[in-house]
N, C-alpha and C. Protein backbone atom coordinates (compact mmCIF):
# COMPACT_ATOMS: atom_id res chain seq x y z
N UNK A 1 -29.99 28.01 -18.43
CA UNK A 1 -31.01 28.28 -18.17
C UNK A 1 -31.99 27.48 -19.28
N UNK A 2 -32.91 26.68 -19.11
CA UNK A 2 -34.14 26.15 -19.56
C UNK A 2 -35.64 26.36 -18.89
N UNK A 3 -36.04 27.60 -20.17
CA UNK A 3 -37.44 28.25 -19.27
C UNK A 3 -38.45 28.29 -20.56
N UNK A 4 -39.45 28.58 -20.28
CA UNK A 4 -40.62 28.50 -21.12
C UNK A 4 -41.91 29.56 -20.50
N UNK A 5 -41.42 30.78 -21.01
CA UNK A 5 -42.80 31.85 -20.73
C UNK A 5 -44.18 31.57 -21.55
N UNK A 6 -44.86 31.51 -21.20
CA UNK A 6 -46.20 31.17 -21.80
C UNK A 6 -47.63 31.50 -21.26
N UNK A 7 -48.80 31.55 -21.84
CA UNK A 7 -49.78 32.06 -21.27
C UNK A 7 -51.03 30.95 -20.96
N UNK A 8 -51.02 30.76 -19.86
CA UNK A 8 -51.88 29.50 -19.38
C UNK A 8 -53.29 29.21 -19.89
N UNK A 9 -53.84 30.44 -20.46
CA UNK A 9 -55.72 30.73 -20.66
C UNK A 9 -55.31 30.61 -22.22
N UNK A 10 -54.07 30.43 -23.21
CA UNK A 10 -53.76 30.70 -24.44
C UNK A 10 -54.02 29.06 -25.34
N UNK A 11 -54.93 28.90 -26.08
CA UNK A 11 -54.87 27.52 -26.47
C UNK A 11 -54.08 27.24 -26.81
N UNK A 12 -53.36 28.22 -27.73
CA UNK A 12 -52.24 27.76 -28.74
C UNK A 12 -50.74 27.53 -27.87
N UNK A 13 -50.72 28.24 -26.51
CA UNK A 13 -49.51 27.86 -25.73
C UNK A 13 -49.93 26.16 -24.95
N UNK A 14 -51.09 25.96 -25.02
CA UNK A 14 -51.23 24.77 -24.49
C UNK A 14 -51.02 23.97 -25.22
N UNK A 15 -51.54 23.82 -26.56
CA UNK A 15 -51.00 22.94 -27.48
C UNK A 15 -49.79 22.73 -27.80
N UNK A 16 -49.04 23.62 -27.78
CA UNK A 16 -47.64 23.48 -28.01
C UNK A 16 -46.91 23.05 -26.78
N UNK A 17 -47.44 23.30 -25.56
CA UNK A 17 -46.62 22.87 -24.55
C UNK A 17 -47.31 21.59 -24.43
N UNK A 18 -48.26 20.75 -24.89
CA UNK A 18 -48.56 19.56 -24.79
C UNK A 18 -47.74 18.71 -25.82
N UNK A 19 -47.44 19.40 -27.19
CA UNK A 19 -46.66 18.91 -28.14
C UNK A 19 -45.10 18.78 -27.68
N UNK A 20 -44.71 19.66 -27.10
CA UNK A 20 -43.26 19.78 -26.95
C UNK A 20 -42.80 18.94 -25.76
N UNK A 21 -43.93 18.40 -24.63
CA UNK A 21 -43.37 17.92 -23.60
C UNK A 21 -42.01 17.96 -22.66
N UNK A 22 -42.34 19.40 -22.38
CA UNK A 22 -40.94 19.74 -21.53
C UNK A 22 -40.59 18.66 -20.49
N UNK A 23 -39.60 18.69 -20.52
CA UNK A 23 -38.62 17.89 -19.20
C UNK A 23 -39.29 18.68 -18.02
N UNK A 24 -38.82 18.32 -16.93
CA UNK A 24 -38.83 18.70 -15.81
C UNK A 24 -37.55 19.64 -15.29
N UNK A 25 -36.74 19.97 -16.10
CA UNK A 25 -35.54 20.94 -16.37
C UNK A 25 -35.95 21.83 -16.79
N UNK A 26 -37.16 22.17 -17.28
CA UNK A 26 -37.31 23.45 -17.62
C UNK A 26 -38.73 24.19 -16.92
N UNK A 27 -38.30 25.46 -16.55
CA UNK A 27 -38.94 26.03 -15.82
C UNK A 27 -40.31 26.77 -16.27
N UNK A 28 -41.50 26.45 -16.09
CA UNK A 28 -42.68 27.14 -17.03
C UNK A 28 -42.81 28.15 -16.31
N UNK A 29 -43.09 29.42 -16.90
CA UNK A 29 -43.80 30.73 -16.38
C UNK A 29 -45.19 31.37 -17.03
N UNK A 30 -45.84 31.33 -16.02
CA UNK A 30 -47.07 31.98 -16.61
C UNK A 30 -47.05 33.31 -16.83
N UNK A 31 -47.05 34.27 -18.14
CA UNK A 31 -46.41 35.38 -17.50
C UNK A 31 -47.60 36.37 -17.39
N UNK A 32 -49.05 35.79 -17.16
CA UNK A 32 -50.02 36.61 -17.16
C UNK A 32 -49.91 36.59 -15.19
N UNK A 33 -49.87 35.38 -14.59
CA UNK A 33 -50.14 35.53 -12.80
C UNK A 33 -48.55 35.72 -12.63
N UNK A 34 -47.69 35.48 -13.28
CA UNK A 34 -46.02 36.02 -12.85
C UNK A 34 -45.53 36.74 -13.75
N UNK A 35 -45.88 38.12 -14.28
CA UNK A 35 -45.22 38.67 -14.92
C UNK A 35 -43.98 39.11 -15.11
N UNK A 36 -43.60 39.22 -16.56
CA UNK A 36 -41.82 38.91 -16.61
C UNK A 36 -41.25 39.99 -16.17
N UNK A 37 -39.79 40.29 -15.45
CA UNK A 37 -39.14 41.40 -15.09
C UNK A 37 -38.52 41.85 -15.71
N UNK A 38 -37.87 43.09 -15.82
CA UNK A 38 -37.03 43.63 -16.68
C UNK A 38 -35.58 42.92 -17.06
N UNK A 39 -35.34 42.02 -15.62
CA UNK A 39 -33.86 41.40 -15.97
C UNK A 39 -34.47 40.30 -17.15
N UNK A 40 -35.37 39.73 -16.72
CA UNK A 40 -35.86 38.40 -17.95
C UNK A 40 -36.48 38.96 -19.05
N UNK A 41 -36.70 39.98 -19.13
CA UNK A 41 -36.69 40.84 -20.56
C UNK A 41 -35.66 40.92 -21.24
N UNK A 42 -34.51 41.54 -20.44
CA UNK A 42 -33.19 41.82 -21.02
C UNK A 42 -32.44 40.57 -21.15
N UNK A 43 -32.55 39.40 -20.53
CA UNK A 43 -31.92 38.18 -21.00
C UNK A 43 -32.63 37.62 -22.26
N UNK A 44 -33.89 37.96 -22.81
CA UNK A 44 -34.47 37.44 -23.90
C UNK A 44 -33.99 38.13 -24.72
N UNK A 45 -33.61 39.45 -24.96
CA UNK A 45 -33.30 40.53 -25.73
C UNK A 45 -31.91 39.78 -26.17
N UNK A 46 -30.70 39.63 -24.77
CA UNK A 46 -30.03 39.09 -25.31
C UNK A 46 -29.61 37.99 -26.31
N UNK A 47 -30.83 37.22 -26.21
CA UNK A 47 -30.56 36.05 -27.01
C UNK A 47 -31.19 36.29 -28.31
N UNK A 48 -32.22 37.10 -28.38
CA UNK A 48 -33.47 37.28 -29.44
C UNK A 48 -32.40 38.37 -30.43
N UNK A 49 -31.86 39.00 -29.84
CA UNK A 49 -30.64 40.37 -30.78
C UNK A 49 -31.96 41.61 -30.60
N UNK A 50 -33.15 41.56 -30.12
CA UNK A 50 -33.94 42.67 -30.74
C UNK A 50 -35.61 42.49 -29.65
N UNK A 51 -35.69 43.61 -29.17
CA UNK A 51 -37.28 43.68 -28.47
C UNK A 51 -38.14 43.64 -29.59
N UNK A 52 -38.02 44.07 -30.90
CA UNK A 52 -39.46 43.73 -31.64
C UNK A 52 -39.46 42.28 -32.04
N UNK A 53 -38.50 41.45 -31.90
CA UNK A 53 -38.72 40.20 -32.15
C UNK A 53 -39.81 39.35 -31.23
N UNK A 54 -39.20 39.94 -30.03
CA UNK A 54 -40.09 39.81 -28.65
C UNK A 54 -41.63 39.90 -28.56
N UNK A 55 -41.74 41.27 -29.93
CA UNK A 55 -43.42 41.91 -29.55
C UNK A 55 -44.14 41.40 -30.42
N UNK A 56 -45.36 41.15 -30.12
CA UNK A 56 -46.27 40.45 -30.63
C UNK A 56 -47.43 41.84 -31.10
N UNK A 57 -47.31 41.70 -32.70
CA UNK A 57 -47.94 42.73 -33.10
C UNK A 57 -49.52 41.95 -33.88
N UNK A 58 -49.74 40.61 -32.98
CA UNK A 58 -51.27 40.23 -32.91
C UNK A 58 -52.02 40.97 -32.33
N UNK A 59 -51.39 41.20 -31.00
CA UNK A 59 -51.98 41.79 -29.59
C UNK A 59 -53.26 42.32 -30.02
N UNK A 60 -54.53 42.40 -28.92
CA UNK A 60 -55.42 43.18 -29.51
C UNK A 60 -55.32 44.77 -29.07
N UNK A 61 -54.52 44.76 -28.22
CA UNK A 61 -53.93 46.28 -27.56
C UNK A 61 -53.54 47.16 -28.80
N UNK A 62 -52.28 46.23 -29.04
CA UNK A 62 -51.66 46.60 -30.35
C UNK A 62 -52.35 47.46 -31.22
N UNK A 63 -53.64 46.91 -31.96
CA UNK A 63 -54.74 47.87 -32.58
C UNK A 63 -55.53 48.85 -32.23
N UNK A 64 -55.71 48.40 -30.24
CA UNK A 64 -57.16 49.05 -30.09
C UNK A 64 -55.80 50.20 -29.80
N UNK A 65 -54.73 50.52 -29.33
CA UNK A 65 -53.66 51.79 -29.20
C UNK A 65 -53.46 52.46 -30.11
N UNK A 66 -53.68 51.74 -31.40
CA UNK A 66 -53.24 52.58 -32.71
C UNK A 66 -51.66 52.29 -32.95
N UNK A 67 -51.32 51.35 -32.38
CA UNK A 67 -49.73 51.48 -32.13
C UNK A 67 -49.06 50.95 -33.44
N UNK A 68 -49.98 50.16 -34.48
CA UNK A 68 -49.72 49.90 -35.93
C UNK A 68 -49.56 51.06 -36.72
N UNK A 69 -49.93 52.17 -36.53
CA UNK A 69 -50.08 53.33 -37.14
C UNK A 69 -48.86 54.34 -36.61
N UNK A 70 -48.15 53.99 -35.65
CA UNK A 70 -47.16 54.76 -34.94
C UNK A 70 -45.71 53.93 -35.29
N UNK A 71 -44.59 54.55 -35.23
CA UNK A 71 -43.02 54.09 -35.69
C UNK A 71 -43.01 54.08 -34.32
N UNK A 72 -42.41 52.81 -34.31
CA UNK A 72 -41.87 51.96 -32.77
C UNK A 72 -40.18 51.90 -32.63
N UNK A 73 -39.46 52.16 -31.53
CA UNK A 73 -38.14 51.96 -31.67
C UNK A 73 -37.95 50.95 -30.53
N UNK A 74 -36.73 50.72 -30.11
CA UNK A 74 -36.63 49.46 -29.33
C UNK A 74 -37.33 49.57 -28.15
N UNK A 75 -36.94 50.86 -27.46
CA UNK A 75 -37.65 50.95 -26.28
C UNK A 75 -38.84 50.82 -26.07
N UNK A 76 -39.47 51.48 -27.39
CA UNK A 76 -41.14 51.43 -27.17
C UNK A 76 -41.76 50.01 -26.97
N UNK A 77 -40.80 48.87 -27.89
CA UNK A 77 -41.26 47.73 -27.69
C UNK A 77 -40.83 47.12 -25.95
N UNK A 78 -39.58 47.30 -25.78
CA UNK A 78 -39.50 46.97 -24.29
C UNK A 78 -40.69 47.51 -23.43
N UNK A 79 -40.80 48.66 -23.35
CA UNK A 79 -41.66 49.15 -22.60
C UNK A 79 -43.15 48.69 -22.88
N UNK A 80 -43.80 48.38 -23.77
CA UNK A 80 -45.02 47.98 -24.11
C UNK A 80 -45.04 46.47 -23.54
N UNK A 81 -43.78 45.61 -23.75
CA UNK A 81 -43.75 44.21 -23.00
C UNK A 81 -44.17 44.35 -22.12
N UNK A 82 -43.38 45.38 -21.00
CA UNK A 82 -43.10 45.49 -19.62
C UNK A 82 -44.79 45.68 -19.14
N UNK A 83 -45.56 46.66 -19.85
CA UNK A 83 -46.29 47.40 -19.91
C UNK A 83 -47.41 46.37 -19.35
N UNK A 84 -47.61 45.06 -20.83
CA UNK A 84 -48.70 44.50 -20.70
C UNK A 84 -47.97 43.44 -20.94
N UNK A 85 -48.56 41.92 -20.83
CA UNK A 85 -47.96 40.78 -21.10
C UNK A 85 -48.78 40.18 -22.55
N UNK A 86 -49.57 40.53 -22.93
CA UNK A 86 -50.20 40.39 -24.06
C UNK A 86 -49.14 40.60 -25.24
N UNK A 87 -48.29 41.99 -25.08
CA UNK A 87 -47.32 41.86 -26.23
C UNK A 87 -46.03 41.34 -26.37
N UNK A 88 -46.25 40.30 -25.52
CA UNK A 88 -45.03 39.33 -25.54
C UNK A 88 -45.36 38.39 -26.57
N UNK A 89 -44.33 38.14 -27.36
CA UNK A 89 -44.98 37.03 -28.55
C UNK A 89 -44.86 35.50 -27.77
N UNK A 90 -46.12 34.61 -27.91
CA UNK A 90 -45.92 33.59 -26.90
C UNK A 90 -45.80 32.00 -28.14
N UNK A 91 -45.12 31.53 -27.32
CA UNK A 91 -44.52 31.23 -26.35
C UNK A 91 -42.87 31.82 -26.69
N UNK A 92 -42.18 31.62 -25.47
CA UNK A 92 -40.72 31.84 -25.66
C UNK A 92 -40.45 30.86 -25.03
N UNK A 93 -39.26 30.00 -25.89
CA UNK A 93 -38.56 28.76 -25.20
C UNK A 93 -37.24 29.25 -25.20
N UNK A 94 -36.38 29.09 -24.00
CA UNK A 94 -35.51 29.16 -23.60
C UNK A 94 -34.59 28.06 -23.05
N UNK A 95 -33.63 27.42 -24.21
CA UNK A 95 -32.41 26.25 -23.74
C UNK A 95 -31.40 26.72 -23.80
N UNK A 96 -30.90 27.15 -22.84
CA UNK A 96 -29.59 27.37 -22.35
C UNK A 96 -29.09 28.81 -23.41
N UNK A 97 -28.45 28.46 -24.28
CA UNK A 97 -28.05 29.58 -25.39
C UNK A 97 -28.85 29.71 -26.49
N UNK A 98 -30.11 29.15 -26.46
CA UNK A 98 -30.85 29.72 -27.87
C UNK A 98 -31.94 29.90 -27.41
N UNK A 99 -32.72 30.82 -28.24
CA UNK A 99 -34.19 31.32 -28.19
C UNK A 99 -34.78 30.66 -28.94
N UNK A 100 -36.43 30.50 -28.78
CA UNK A 100 -37.37 30.20 -29.40
C UNK A 100 -38.31 31.08 -29.53
N UNK A 101 -39.00 31.76 -30.58
CA UNK A 101 -39.73 32.99 -29.73
C UNK A 101 -40.91 32.51 -31.35
N UNK A 102 -42.17 32.34 -30.52
CA UNK A 102 -43.45 32.22 -31.09
C UNK A 102 -44.07 30.71 -31.61
N UNK A 103 -45.27 31.04 -32.24
CA UNK A 103 -45.62 29.47 -32.89
C UNK A 103 -46.06 28.88 -33.76
N UNK A 104 -45.21 29.76 -35.11
CA UNK A 104 -44.94 29.16 -36.30
C UNK A 104 -44.33 27.76 -35.99
N UNK A 105 -45.05 26.88 -36.95
CA UNK A 105 -44.71 25.50 -37.04
C UNK A 105 -43.08 25.49 -37.00
N UNK A 106 -42.79 26.47 -37.96
CA UNK A 106 -41.20 26.07 -37.79
C UNK A 106 -40.25 26.03 -36.44
N UNK A 107 -40.72 27.36 -35.65
CA UNK A 107 -40.32 27.51 -34.60
C UNK A 107 -40.55 26.87 -33.64
N UNK A 108 -41.76 26.09 -33.35
CA UNK A 108 -42.04 24.98 -32.64
C UNK A 108 -41.45 23.86 -32.93
N UNK A 109 -40.95 23.27 -34.28
CA UNK A 109 -40.41 22.10 -34.70
C UNK A 109 -38.91 22.05 -34.05
N UNK A 110 -38.15 23.67 -34.42
CA UNK A 110 -36.89 23.79 -33.90
C UNK A 110 -36.83 23.81 -32.41
N UNK A 111 -37.62 24.42 -31.80
CA UNK A 111 -37.68 24.34 -30.51
C UNK A 111 -37.63 22.38 -30.17
N UNK A 112 -38.66 21.94 -30.13
CA UNK A 112 -38.69 20.73 -30.26
C UNK A 112 -37.44 19.67 -30.51
N UNK A 113 -36.75 19.73 -31.77
CA UNK A 113 -35.61 19.41 -31.85
C UNK A 113 -34.17 20.01 -31.14
N UNK A 114 -34.45 21.06 -30.44
CA UNK A 114 -33.50 21.85 -29.75
C UNK A 114 -33.50 20.88 -28.17
N UNK A 115 -34.90 20.62 -27.83
CA UNK A 115 -35.05 20.16 -26.64
C UNK A 115 -34.09 18.95 -26.37
N UNK A 116 -34.24 18.28 -27.30
CA UNK A 116 -33.81 16.73 -27.50
C UNK A 116 -32.36 16.27 -27.54
N UNK A 117 -31.51 17.78 -27.52
CA UNK A 117 -30.17 17.68 -27.62
C UNK A 117 -28.97 17.76 -26.27
């Protein structure tokens, strides 16, 4: 499967998608208009190894809900991501058996290199 989970209203996601220029083989899913399902999140988990690695601690809701002061476990991370799209670290790029999570320069570069394989 080749898929990119992103947020169309996010300027960083837009910039990364422009930079990556994904082929038509990739399915783009805007997580705001087409929320991720439990099955999709569990597929991401299988590739990533943890829900925490898929969780964005930069989300405004993370601070607003006081979650930074709580001890969260994997179930908490999973439930929060399913509860609100803003908790998914974006973009998430899946290229068959590889996953690239987030917008760090090294992650985007690795995803770009992986897309050309």
